[in-house]
Amino acid sequence: AGFVGLPLGPRILRAETAAVAALTLAQSLAGWLR
């Protein structure tokens, strides 16, 4: 996320963080169910 200079920077960064968190949660959930 190198879009700090753009107006949408924080929003993009937040979306990236949410995507990473969702991916980690999905992987941990899959590991828990397996």
PDB file of N, CA and C in Angstrom:
ATOM      1  N   ALA A   1       0.847  -1.197   0.000  1.00  0.00           N
ATOM      2  CA  ALA A   1       0.000   0.000   0.000  1.00  0.00           C
ATOM      3  C   ALA A   1       0.880   1.244   0.000  1.00  0.00           C
ATOM      4  N   GLY A   2       1.189   1.755  -1.178  1.00  0.00           N
ATOM      5  CA  GLY A   2       2.020   2.944  -1.266  1.00  0.00           C
ATOM      6  C   GLY A   2       1.242   4.108  -1.843  1.00  0.00           C
ATOM      7  N   PHE A   3      -0.006   4.270  -1.418  1.00  0.00           N
ATOM      8  CA  PHE A   3      -0.871   5.310  -1.973  1.00  0.00           C
ATOM      9  C   PHE A   3      -1.133   6.395  -0.940  1.00  0.00           C
ATOM     10  N   VAL A   4      -0.120   6.712  -0.137  1.00  0.00           N
ATOM     11  CA  VAL A   4      -0.321   7.701   0.924  1.00  0.00           C
ATOM     12  C   VAL A   4      -0.552   9.085   0.322  1.00  0.00           C
ATOM     13  N   GLY A   5       0.032   9.367  -0.843  1.00  0.00           N
ATOM     14  CA  GLY A   5      -0.100  10.683  -1.440  1.00  0.00           C
ATOM     15  C   GLY A   5      -1.455  10.899  -2.090  1.00  0.00           C
ATOM     16  N   LEU A   6      -2.205   9.821  -2.327  1.00  0.00           N
ATOM     17  CA  LEU A   6      -3.507   9.963  -2.975  1.00  0.00           C
ATOM     18  C   LEU A   6      -4.596  10.204  -1.936  1.00  0.00           C
ATOM     19  N   PRO A   7      -5.672  10.889  -2.321  1.00  0.00           N
ATOM     20  CA  PRO A   7      -6.778  11.141  -1.388  1.00  0.00           C
ATOM     21  C   PRO A   7      -7.417   9.848  -0.894  1.00  0.00           C
ATOM     22  N   LEU A   8      -7.395   8.809  -1.736  1.00  0.00           N
ATOM     23  CA  LEU A   8      -8.029   7.545  -1.355  1.00  0.00           C
ATOM     24  C   LEU A   8      -7.065   6.643  -0.596  1.00  0.00           C
ATOM     25  N   GLY A   9      -5.891   7.169  -0.257  1.00  0.00           N
ATOM     26  CA  GLY A   9      -4.874   6.360   0.415  1.00  0.00           C
ATOM     27  C   GLY A   9      -5.397   5.634   1.646  1.00  0.00           C
ATOM     28  N   PRO A  10      -5.915   6.383   2.630  1.00  0.00           N
ATOM     29  CA  PRO A  10      -6.385   5.725   3.864  1.00  0.00           C
ATOM     30  C   PRO A  10      -7.459   4.684   3.584  1.00  0.00           C
ATOM     31  N   ARG A  11      -8.351   4.978   2.636  1.00  0.00           N
ATOM     32  CA  ARG A  11      -9.433   4.033   2.347  1.00  0.00           C
ATOM     33  C   ARG A  11      -8.871   2.758   1.737  1.00  0.00           C
ATOM     34  N   ILE A  12      -7.909   2.921   0.811  1.00  0.00           N
ATOM     35  CA  ILE A  12      -7.300   1.753   0.179  1.00  0.00           C
ATOM     36  C   ILE A  12      -6.537   0.946   1.223  1.00  0.00           C
ATOM     37  N   LEU A  13      -5.820   1.649   2.091  1.00  0.00           N
ATOM     38  CA  LEU A  13      -5.050   0.963   3.128  1.00  0.00           C
ATOM     39  C   LEU A  13      -5.991   0.210   4.058  1.00  0.00           C
ATOM     40  N   ARG A  14      -7.125   0.831   4.369  1.00  0.00           N
ATOM     41  CA  ARG A  14      -8.086   0.176   5.259  1.00  0.00           C
ATOM     42  C   ARG A  14      -8.674  -1.059   4.583  1.00  0.00           C
ATOM     43  N   ALA A  15      -8.955  -0.952   3.294  1.00  0.00           N
ATOM     44  CA  ALA A  15      -9.494  -2.094   2.557  1.00  0.00           C
ATOM     45  C   ALA A  15      -8.465  -3.218   2.506  1.00  0.00           C
ATOM     46  N   GLU A  16      -7.198  -2.839   2.298  1.00  0.00           N
ATOM     47  CA  GLU A  16      -6.135  -3.854   2.270  1.00  0.00           C
ATOM     48  C   GLU A  16      -6.041  -4.548   3.618  1.00  0.00           C
ATOM     49  N   THR A  17      -6.065  -3.769   4.696  1.00  0.00           N
ATOM     50  CA  THR A  17      -5.973  -4.356   6.034  1.00  0.00           C
ATOM     51  C   THR A  17      -7.160  -5.277   6.294  1.00  0.00           C
ATOM     52  N   ALA A  18      -8.354  -4.843   5.878  1.00  0.00           N
ATOM     53  CA  ALA A  18      -9.543  -5.672   6.085  1.00  0.00           C
ATOM     54  C   ALA A  18      -9.438  -6.970   5.290  1.00  0.00           C
ATOM     55  N   ALA A  19      -8.898  -6.877   4.061  1.00  0.00           N
ATOM     56  CA  ALA A  19      -8.759  -8.073   3.230  1.00  0.00           C
ATOM     57  C   ALA A  19      -7.773  -9.047   3.863  1.00  0.00           C
ATOM     58  N   VAL A  20      -6.656  -8.516   4.354  1.00  0.00           N
ATOM     59  CA  VAL A  20      -5.655  -9.383   4.989  1.00  0.00           C
ATOM     60  C   VAL A  20      -6.239 -10.017   6.248  1.00  0.00           C
ATOM     61  N   ALA A  21      -6.984  -9.238   7.028  1.00  0.00           N
ATOM     62  CA  ALA A  21      -7.579  -9.772   8.253  1.00  0.00           C
ATOM     63  C   ALA A  21      -8.602 -10.855   7.917  1.00  0.00           C
ATOM     64  N   ALA A  22      -9.403 -10.625   6.879  1.00  0.00           N
ATOM     65  CA  ALA A  22     -10.408 -11.614   6.489  1.00  0.00           C
ATOM     66  C   ALA A  22      -9.738 -12.894   5.998  1.00  0.00           C
ATOM     67  N   LEU A  23      -8.649 -12.735   5.239  1.00  0.00           N
ATOM     68  CA  LEU A  23      -7.935 -13.906   4.728  1.00  0.00           C
ATOM     69  C   LEU A  23      -7.335 -14.700   5.884  1.00  0.00           C
ATOM     70  N   THR A  24      -6.741 -13.999   6.837  1.00  0.00           N
ATOM     71  CA  THR A  24      -6.155 -14.683   7.992  1.00  0.00           C
ATOM     72  C   THR A  24      -7.240 -15.389   8.803  1.00  0.00           C
ATOM     73  N   LEU A  25      -8.374 -14.717   8.975  1.00  0.00           N
ATOM     74  CA  LEU A  25      -9.471 -15.314   9.733  1.00  0.00           C
ATOM     75  C   LEU A  25      -9.996 -16.555   9.020  1.00  0.00           C
ATOM     76  N   ALA A  26     -10.123 -16.479   7.690  1.00  0.00           N
ATOM     77  CA  ALA A  26     -10.613 -17.625   6.923  1.00  0.00           C
ATOM     78  C   ALA A  26      -9.643 -18.798   7.026  1.00  0.00           C
ATOM     79  N   GLN A  27      -8.352 -18.509   6.947  1.00  0.00           N
ATOM     80  CA  GLN A  27      -7.354 -19.578   7.032  1.00  0.00           C
ATOM     81  C   GLN A  27      -7.368 -20.213   8.420  1.00  0.00           C
ATOM     82  N   SER A  28      -7.462 -19.400   9.464  1.00  0.00           N
ATOM     83  CA  SER A  28      -7.479 -19.941  10.826  1.00  0.00           C
ATOM     84  C   SER A  28      -8.758 -20.753  11.044  1.00  0.00           C
ATOM     85  N   LEU A  29      -9.870 -20.286  10.477  1.00  0.00           N
ATOM     86  CA  LEU A  29     -11.133 -21.010  10.612  1.00  0.00           C
ATOM     87  C   LEU A  29     -11.055 -22.350   9.886  1.00  0.00           C
ATOM     88  N   ALA A  30     -10.447 -22.352   8.696  1.00  0.00           N
ATOM     89  CA  ALA A  30     -10.292 -23.599   7.941  1.00  0.00           C
ATOM     90  C   ALA A  30      -9.404 -24.570   8.713  1.00  0.00           C
ATOM     91  N   GLY A  31      -8.346 -24.052   9.319  1.00  0.00           N
ATOM     92  CA  GLY A  31      -7.459 -24.905  10.107  1.00  0.00           C
ATOM     93  C   GLY A  31      -8.185 -25.450  11.335  1.00  0.00           C
ATOM     94  N   TRP A  32      -9.086 -24.638  11.899  1.00  0.00           N
ATOM     95  CA  TRP A  32      -9.830 -25.064  13.084  1.00  0.00           C
ATOM     96  C   TRP A  32     -10.816 -26.175  12.718  1.00  0.00           C
ATOM     97  N   LEU A  33     -11.467 -26.046  11.561  1.00  0.00           N
ATOM     98  CA  LEU A  33     -12.468 -27.040  11.155  1.00  0.00           C
ATOM     99  C   LEU A  33     -11.805 -28.318  10.654  1.00  0.00           C
ATOM    100  N   ARG A  34     -10.538 -28.194  10.184  1.00  0.00           N
ATOM    101  CA  ARG A  34      -9.908 -29.365   9.573  1.00  0.00           C
ATOM    102  C   ARG A  34      -9.498 -30.328  10.624  1.00  0.00           C
TER     103      ARG A  34
END
